[in-house]
Amino acid sequence: MSHSCKLLVEEEQHMGGLGFPEMVVILIIALVIFGPNRLPALGESLGKAIRGFKEGLKDNPEEQAALKKKE
């Protein structure tokens, strides 16, 4: 691999990615703000929202129209 290719690969790894230290800081801030009792429920609702969004992207608009007519 040439030197310029190595630099591009390294740059892509550092741009916009969240590493382990950043995730730990985010988790600590969320723990302080929401508390240990509400954090699992918050994670669950966030997971459901992301799952619903992904399913919505996969669905065919024609299928959604057919489902609405059935209801």
PDB file of N, CA and C in Angstrom:
ATOM      1  N   MET A   1       0.858  -1.169   0.000  1.00  0.00           N
ATOM      2  CA  MET A   1       0.000   0.000   0.000  1.00  0.00           C
ATOM      3  C   MET A   1       0.901   1.226   0.000  1.00  0.00           C
ATOM      4  N   SER A   2       0.589   2.189  -0.836  1.00  0.00           N
ATOM      5  CA  SER A   2       1.423   3.374  -0.930  1.00  0.00           C
ATOM      6  C   SER A   2       1.190   4.285   0.275  1.00  0.00           C
ATOM      7  N   HIS A   3       2.088   5.229   0.434  1.00  0.00           N
ATOM      8  CA  HIS A   3       2.017   6.154   1.570  1.00  0.00           C
ATOM      9  C   HIS A   3       0.731   6.980   1.540  1.00  0.00           C
ATOM     10  N   SER A   4       0.322   7.442   0.349  1.00  0.00           N
ATOM     11  CA  SER A   4      -0.886   8.263   0.256  1.00  0.00           C
ATOM     12  C   SER A   4      -2.135   7.445   0.582  1.00  0.00           C
ATOM     13  N   CYS A   5      -2.150   6.165   0.191  1.00  0.00           N
ATOM     14  CA  CYS A   5      -3.291   5.310   0.523  1.00  0.00           C
ATOM     15  C   CYS A   5      -3.381   5.086   2.024  1.00  0.00           C
ATOM     16  N   LYS A   6      -2.235   4.912   2.669  1.00  0.00           N
ATOM     17  CA  LYS A   6      -2.226   4.716   4.118  1.00  0.00           C
ATOM     18  C   LYS A   6      -2.771   5.944   4.824  1.00  0.00           C
ATOM     19  N   LEU A   7      -2.400   7.124   4.332  1.00  0.00           N
ATOM     20  CA  LEU A   7      -2.898   8.351   4.952  1.00  0.00           C
ATOM     21  C   LEU A   7      -4.405   8.467   4.795  1.00  0.00           C
ATOM     22  N   LEU A   8      -4.939   8.104   3.629  1.00  0.00           N
ATOM     23  CA  LEU A   8      -6.384   8.169   3.425  1.00  0.00           C
ATOM     24  C   LEU A   8      -7.125   7.212   4.345  1.00  0.00           C
ATOM     25  N   VAL A   9      -6.584   6.016   4.531  1.00  0.00           N
ATOM     26  CA  VAL A   9      -7.210   5.038   5.411  1.00  0.00           C
ATOM     27  C   VAL A   9      -7.194   5.538   6.845  1.00  0.00           C
ATOM     28  N   GLU A  10      -6.076   6.075   7.286  1.00  0.00           N
ATOM     29  CA  GLU A  10      -5.979   6.601   8.651  1.00  0.00           C
ATOM     30  C   GLU A  10      -6.921   7.776   8.839  1.00  0.00           C
ATOM     31  N   GLU A  11      -7.030   8.636   7.826  1.00  0.00           N
ATOM     32  CA  GLU A  11      -7.908   9.800   7.931  1.00  0.00           C
ATOM     33  C   GLU A  11      -9.362   9.365   8.023  1.00  0.00           C
ATOM     34  N   GLU A  12      -9.769   8.349   7.257  1.00  0.00           N
ATOM     35  CA  GLU A  12     -11.137   7.864   7.305  1.00  0.00           C
ATOM     36  C   GLU A  12     -11.470   7.263   8.666  1.00  0.00           C
ATOM     37  N   GLN A  13     -10.516   6.633   9.300  1.00  0.00           N
ATOM     38  CA  GLN A  13     -10.762   6.027  10.595  1.00  0.00           C
ATOM     39  C   GLN A  13     -10.953   7.080  11.677  1.00  0.00           C
ATOM     40  N   HIS A  14     -10.345   8.230  11.525  1.00  0.00           N
ATOM     41  CA  HIS A  14     -10.424   9.250  12.560  1.00  0.00           C
ATOM     42  C   HIS A  14     -11.537  10.258  12.318  1.00  0.00           C
ATOM     43  N   MET A  15     -12.055  10.334  11.131  1.00  0.00           N
ATOM     44  CA  MET A  15     -13.088  11.317  10.823  1.00  0.00           C
ATOM     45  C   MET A  15     -14.468  10.803  11.208  1.00  0.00           C
ATOM     46  N   GLY A  16     -15.142  11.519  12.079  1.00  0.00           N
ATOM     47  CA  GLY A  16     -16.528  11.246  12.376  1.00  0.00           C
ATOM     48  C   GLY A  16     -16.820   9.990  13.168  1.00  0.00           C
ATOM     49  N   GLY A  17     -15.839   9.231  13.519  1.00  0.00           N
ATOM     50  CA  GLY A  17     -16.080   8.007  14.262  1.00  0.00           C
ATOM     51  C   GLY A  17     -16.043   8.243  15.759  1.00  0.00           C
ATOM     52  N   LEU A  18     -16.835   7.488  16.480  1.00  0.00           N
ATOM     53  CA  LEU A  18     -16.804   7.549  17.928  1.00  0.00           C
ATOM     54  C   LEU A  18     -16.003   6.364  18.430  1.00  0.00           C
ATOM     55  N   GLY A  19     -14.962   6.657  19.141  1.00  0.00           N
ATOM     56  CA  GLY A  19     -14.154   5.600  19.706  1.00  0.00           C
ATOM     57  C   GLY A  19     -14.633   5.228  21.097  1.00  0.00           C
ATOM     58  N   PHE A  20     -13.921   4.323  21.714  1.00  0.00           N
ATOM     59  CA  PHE A  20     -14.295   3.858  23.040  1.00  0.00           C
ATOM     60  C   PHE A  20     -14.278   4.987  24.083  1.00  0.00           C
ATOM     61  N   PRO A  21     -13.250   5.833  24.120  1.00  0.00           N
ATOM     62  CA  PRO A  21     -13.263   6.917  25.127  1.00  0.00           C
ATOM     63  C   PRO A  21     -14.450   7.865  24.979  1.00  0.00           C
ATOM     64  N   GLU A  22     -14.811   8.177  23.737  1.00  0.00           N
ATOM     65  CA  GLU A  22     -15.946   9.070  23.519  1.00  0.00           C
ATOM     66  C   GLU A  22     -17.248   8.427  23.987  1.00  0.00           C
ATOM     67  N   MET A  23     -17.390   7.139  23.723  1.00  0.00           N
ATOM     68  CA  MET A  23     -18.600   6.434  24.154  1.00  0.00           C
ATOM     69  C   MET A  23     -18.695   6.380  25.682  1.00  0.00           C
ATOM     70  N   VAL A  24     -17.581   6.205  26.357  1.00  0.00           N
ATOM     71  CA  VAL A  24     -17.576   6.178  27.825  1.00  0.00           C
ATOM     72  C   VAL A  24     -18.005   7.535  28.373  1.00  0.00           C
ATOM     73  N   VAL A  25     -17.499   8.609  27.789  1.00  0.00           N
ATOM     74  CA  VAL A  25     -17.870   9.956  28.243  1.00  0.00           C
ATOM     75  C   VAL A  25     -19.363  10.192  28.033  1.00  0.00           C
ATOM     76  N   ILE A  26     -19.886   9.798  26.883  1.00  0.00           N
ATOM     77  CA  ILE A  26     -21.318   9.963  26.610  1.00  0.00           C
ATOM     78  C   ILE A  26     -22.148   9.162  27.607  1.00  0.00           C
ATOM     79  N   LEU A  27     -21.727   7.944  27.902  1.00  0.00           N
ATOM     80  CA  LEU A  27     -22.451   7.102  28.859  1.00  0.00           C
ATOM     81  C   LEU A  27     -22.443   7.723  30.256  1.00  0.00           C
ATOM     82  N   ILE A  28     -21.329   8.256  30.677  1.00  0.00           N
ATOM     83  CA  ILE A  28     -21.235   8.880  32.004  1.00  0.00           C
ATOM     84  C   ILE A  28     -22.143  10.114  32.073  1.00  0.00           C
ATOM     85  N   ILE A  29     -22.145  10.928  31.023  1.00  0.00           N
ATOM     86  CA  ILE A  29     -23.004  12.116  31.005  1.00  0.00           C
ATOM     87  C   ILE A  29     -24.475  11.704  31.055  1.00  0.00           C
ATOM     88  N   ALA A  30     -24.851  10.682  30.274  1.00  0.00           N
ATOM     89  CA  ALA A  30     -26.237  10.202  30.295  1.00  0.00           C
ATOM     90  C   ALA A  30     -26.603   9.660  31.663  1.00  0.00           C
ATOM     91  N   LEU A  31     -25.674   8.973  32.312  1.00  0.00           N
ATOM     92  CA  LEU A  31     -25.923   8.425  33.646  1.00  0.00           C
ATOM     93  C   LEU A  31     -26.152   9.537  34.662  1.00  0.00           C
ATOM     94  N   VAL A  32     -25.376  10.607  34.558  1.00  0.00           N
ATOM     95  CA  VAL A  32     -25.532  11.731  35.481  1.00  0.00           C
ATOM     96  C   VAL A  32     -26.855  12.459  35.228  1.00  0.00           C
ATOM     97  N   ILE A  33     -27.209  12.650  33.956  1.00  0.00           N
ATOM     98  CA  ILE A  33     -28.422  13.400  33.629  1.00  0.00           C
ATOM     99  C   ILE A  33     -29.683  12.604  33.954  1.00  0.00           C
ATOM    100  N   PHE A  34     -29.741  11.346  33.523  1.00  0.00           N
ATOM    101  CA  PHE A  34     -30.972  10.576  33.654  1.00  0.00           C
ATOM    102  C   PHE A  34     -31.017   9.686  34.883  1.00  0.00           C
ATOM    103  N   GLY A  35     -29.897   9.366  35.451  1.00  0.00           N
ATOM    104  CA  GLY A  35     -29.872   8.498  36.620  1.00  0.00           C
ATOM    105  C   GLY A  35     -29.870   7.035  36.236  1.00  0.00           C
ATOM    106  N   PRO A  36     -29.436   6.190  37.157  1.00  0.00           N
ATOM    107  CA  PRO A  36     -29.302   4.764  36.841  1.00  0.00           C
ATOM    108  C   PRO A  36     -30.641   4.036  36.672  1.00  0.00           C
ATOM    109  N   ASN A  37     -31.713   4.567  37.228  1.00  0.00           N
ATOM    110  CA  ASN A  37     -33.007   3.888  37.127  1.00  0.00           C
ATOM    111  C   ASN A  37     -33.680   4.092  35.769  1.00  0.00           C
ATOM    112  N   ARG A  38     -33.510   5.263  35.173  1.00  0.00           N
ATOM    113  CA  ARG A  38     -34.177   5.562  33.903  1.00  0.00           C
ATOM    114  C   ARG A  38     -33.344   5.195  32.695  1.00  0.00           C
ATOM    115  N   LEU A  39     -32.055   4.940  32.868  1.00  0.00           N
ATOM    116  CA  LEU A  39     -31.174   4.685  31.737  1.00  0.00           C
ATOM    117  C   LEU A  39     -31.563   3.436  30.938  1.00  0.00           C
ATOM    118  N   PRO A  40     -31.908   2.296  31.566  1.00  0.00           N
ATOM    119  CA  PRO A  40     -32.317   1.128  30.764  1.00  0.00           C
ATOM    120  C   PRO A  40     -33.582   1.379  29.936  1.00  0.00           C
ATOM    121  N   ALA A  41     -34.552   2.073  30.514  1.00  0.00           N
ATOM    122  CA  ALA A  41     -35.783   2.365  29.774  1.00  0.00           C
ATOM    123  C   ALA A  41     -35.500   3.310  28.614  1.00  0.00           C
ATOM    124  N   LEU A  42     -34.601   4.241  28.824  1.00  0.00           N
ATOM    125  CA  LEU A  42     -34.235   5.176  27.769  1.00  0.00           C
ATOM    126  C   LEU A  42     -33.542   4.436  26.625  1.00  0.00           C
ATOM    127  N   GLY A  43     -32.649   3.523  26.957  1.00  0.00           N
ATOM    128  CA  GLY A  43     -31.968   2.730  25.935  1.00  0.00           C
ATOM    129  C   GLY A  43     -32.934   1.852  25.157  1.00  0.00           C
ATOM    130  N   GLU A  44     -33.901   1.282  25.867  1.00  0.00           N
ATOM    131  CA  GLU A  44     -34.894   0.429  25.210  1.00  0.00           C
ATOM    132  C   GLU A  44     -35.745   1.229  24.223  1.00  0.00           C
ATOM    133  N   SER A  45     -36.196   2.398  24.633  1.00  0.00           N
ATOM    134  CA  SER A  45     -37.029   3.209  23.747  1.00  0.00           C
ATOM    135  C   SER A  45     -36.223   3.723  22.556  1.00  0.00           C
ATOM    136  N   LEU A  46     -34.962   4.038  22.770  1.00  0.00           N
ATOM    137  CA  LEU A  46     -34.105   4.467  21.670  1.00  0.00           C
ATOM    138  C   LEU A  46     -33.902   3.322  20.683  1.00  0.00           C
ATOM    139  N   GLY A  47     -33.695   2.124  21.179  1.00  0.00           N
ATOM    140  CA  GLY A  47     -33.539   0.954  20.317  1.00  0.00           C
ATOM    141  C   GLY A  47     -34.782   0.677  19.496  1.00  0.00           C
ATOM    142  N   LYS A  48     -35.957   0.802  20.124  1.00  0.00           N
ATOM    143  CA  LYS A  48     -37.211   0.588  19.401  1.00  0.00           C
ATOM    144  C   LYS A  48     -37.405   1.644  18.315  1.00  0.00           C
ATOM    145  N   ALA A  49     -37.026   2.869  18.616  1.00  0.00           N
ATOM    146  CA  ALA A  49     -37.170   3.941  17.632  1.00  0.00           C
ATOM    147  C   ALA A  49     -36.251   3.705  16.438  1.00  0.00           C
ATOM    148  N   ILE A  50     -35.034   3.308  16.691  1.00  0.00           N
ATOM    149  CA  ILE A  50     -34.096   3.030  15.604  1.00  0.00           C
ATOM    150  C   ILE A  50     -34.572   1.839  14.781  1.00  0.00           C
ATOM    151  N   ARG A  51     -35.049   0.794  15.445  1.00  0.00           N
ATOM    152  CA  ARG A  51     -35.557  -0.387  14.744  1.00  0.00           C
ATOM    153  C   ARG A  51     -36.754  -0.025  13.868  1.00  0.00           C
ATOM    154  N   GLY A  52     -37.662   0.790  14.391  1.00  0.00           N
ATOM    155  CA  GLY A  52     -38.820   1.223  13.613  1.00  0.00           C
ATOM    156  C   GLY A  52     -38.419   2.066  12.412  1.00  0.00           C
ATOM    157  N   PHE A  53     -37.421   2.903  12.591  1.00  0.00           N
ATOM    158  CA  PHE A  53     -36.931   3.722  11.483  1.00  0.00           C
ATOM    159  C   PHE A  53     -36.337   2.846  10.391  1.00  0.00           C
ATOM    160  N   LYS A  54     -35.540   1.855  10.775  1.00  0.00           N
ATOM    161  CA  LYS A  54     -34.939   0.952   9.788  1.00  0.00           C
ATOM    162  C   LYS A  54     -36.007   0.157   9.052  1.00  0.00           C
ATOM    163  N   GLU A  55     -37.011  -0.317   9.766  1.00  0.00           N
ATOM    164  CA  GLU A  55     -38.094  -1.063   9.120  1.00  0.00           C
ATOM    165  C   GLU A  55     -38.872  -0.166   8.168  1.00  0.00           C
ATOM    166  N   GLY A  56     -39.038   1.090   8.540  1.00  0.00           N
ATOM    167  CA  GLY A  56     -39.732   2.036   7.676  1.00  0.00           C
ATOM    168  C   GLY A  56     -38.974   2.304   6.392  1.00  0.00           C
ATOM    169  N   LEU A  57     -37.662   2.291   6.470  1.00  0.00           N
ATOM    170  CA  LEU A  57     -36.861   2.489   5.266  1.00  0.00           C
ATOM    171  C   LEU A  57     -36.931   1.287   4.340  1.00  0.00           C
ATOM    172  N   LYS A  58     -37.085   0.101   4.901  1.00  0.00           N
ATOM    173  CA  LYS A  58     -37.114  -1.113   4.096  1.00  0.00           C
ATOM    174  C   LYS A  58     -38.460  -1.328   3.420  1.00  0.00           C
ATOM    175  N   ASP A  59     -39.524  -0.843   4.025  1.00  0.00           N
ATOM    176  CA  ASP A  59     -40.862  -1.082   3.500  1.00  0.00           C
ATOM    177  C   ASP A  59     -41.061  -0.409   2.148  1.00  0.00           C
ATOM    178  N   ASN A  60     -41.814  -1.078   1.328  1.00  0.00           N
ATOM    179  CA  ASN A  60     -42.188  -0.566   0.018  1.00  0.00           C
ATOM    180  C   ASN A  60     -43.393   0.367   0.190  1.00  0.00           C
ATOM    181  N   PRO A  61     -43.387   1.549  -0.405  1.00  0.00           N
ATOM    182  CA  PRO A  61     -44.516   2.471  -0.243  1.00  0.00           C
ATOM    183  C   PRO A  61     -45.845   1.869  -0.702  1.00  0.00           C
ATOM    184  N   GLU A  62     -45.816   1.012  -1.734  1.00  0.00           N
ATOM    185  CA  GLU A  62     -47.049   0.384  -2.205  1.00  0.00           C
ATOM    186  C   GLU A  62     -47.607  -0.568  -1.147  1.00  0.00           C
ATOM    187  N   GLU A  63     -46.723  -1.270  -0.449  1.00  0.00           N
ATOM    188  CA  GLU A  63     -47.157  -2.177   0.610  1.00  0.00           C
ATOM    189  C   GLU A  63     -47.769  -1.392   1.765  1.00  0.00           C
ATOM    190  N   GLN A  64     -47.192  -0.248   2.088  1.00  0.00           N
ATOM    191  CA  GLN A  64     -47.729   0.574   3.165  1.00  0.00           C
ATOM    192  C   GLN A  64     -49.122   1.079   2.811  1.00  0.00           C
ATOM    193  N   ALA A  65     -49.349   1.446   1.559  1.00  0.00           N
ATOM    194  CA  ALA A  65     -50.664   1.919   1.130  1.00  0.00           C
ATOM    195  C   ALA A  65     -51.688   0.794   1.222  1.00  0.00           C
ATOM    196  N   ALA A  66     -51.263  -0.428   0.871  1.00  0.00           N
ATOM    197  CA  ALA A  66     -52.166  -1.574   0.955  1.00  0.00           C
ATOM    198  C   ALA A  66     -52.515  -1.885   2.408  1.00  0.00           C
ATOM    199  N   LEU A  67     -51.555  -1.764   3.298  1.00  0.00           N
ATOM    200  CA  LEU A  67     -51.807  -1.998   4.712  1.00  0.00           C
ATOM    201  C   LEU A  67     -52.766  -0.974   5.289  1.00  0.00           C
ATOM    202  N   LYS A  68     -52.636   0.279   4.876  1.00  0.00           N
ATOM    203  CA  LYS A  68     -53.529   1.330   5.362  1.00  0.00           C
ATOM    204  C   LYS A  68     -54.965   1.092   4.895  1.00  0.00           C
ATOM    205  N   LYS A  69     -55.125   0.567   3.673  1.00  0.00           N
ATOM    206  CA  LYS A  69     -56.459   0.294   3.159  1.00  0.00           C
ATOM    207  C   LYS A  69     -57.116  -0.827   3.944  1.00  0.00           C
ATOM    208  N   LYS A  70     -56.330  -1.811   4.387  1.00  0.00           N
ATOM    209  CA  LYS A  70     -56.864  -2.938   5.143  1.00  0.00           C
ATOM    210  C   LYS A  70     -57.351  -2.495   6.518  1.00  0.00           C
ATOM    211  N   GLU A  71     -56.697  -1.489   7.085  1.00  0.00           N
ATOM    212  CA  GLU A  71     -57.055  -1.013   8.427  1.00  0.00           C
ATOM    213  C   GLU A  71     -58.251  -0.152   8.323  1.00  0.00           C
TER     214      GLU A  71
END
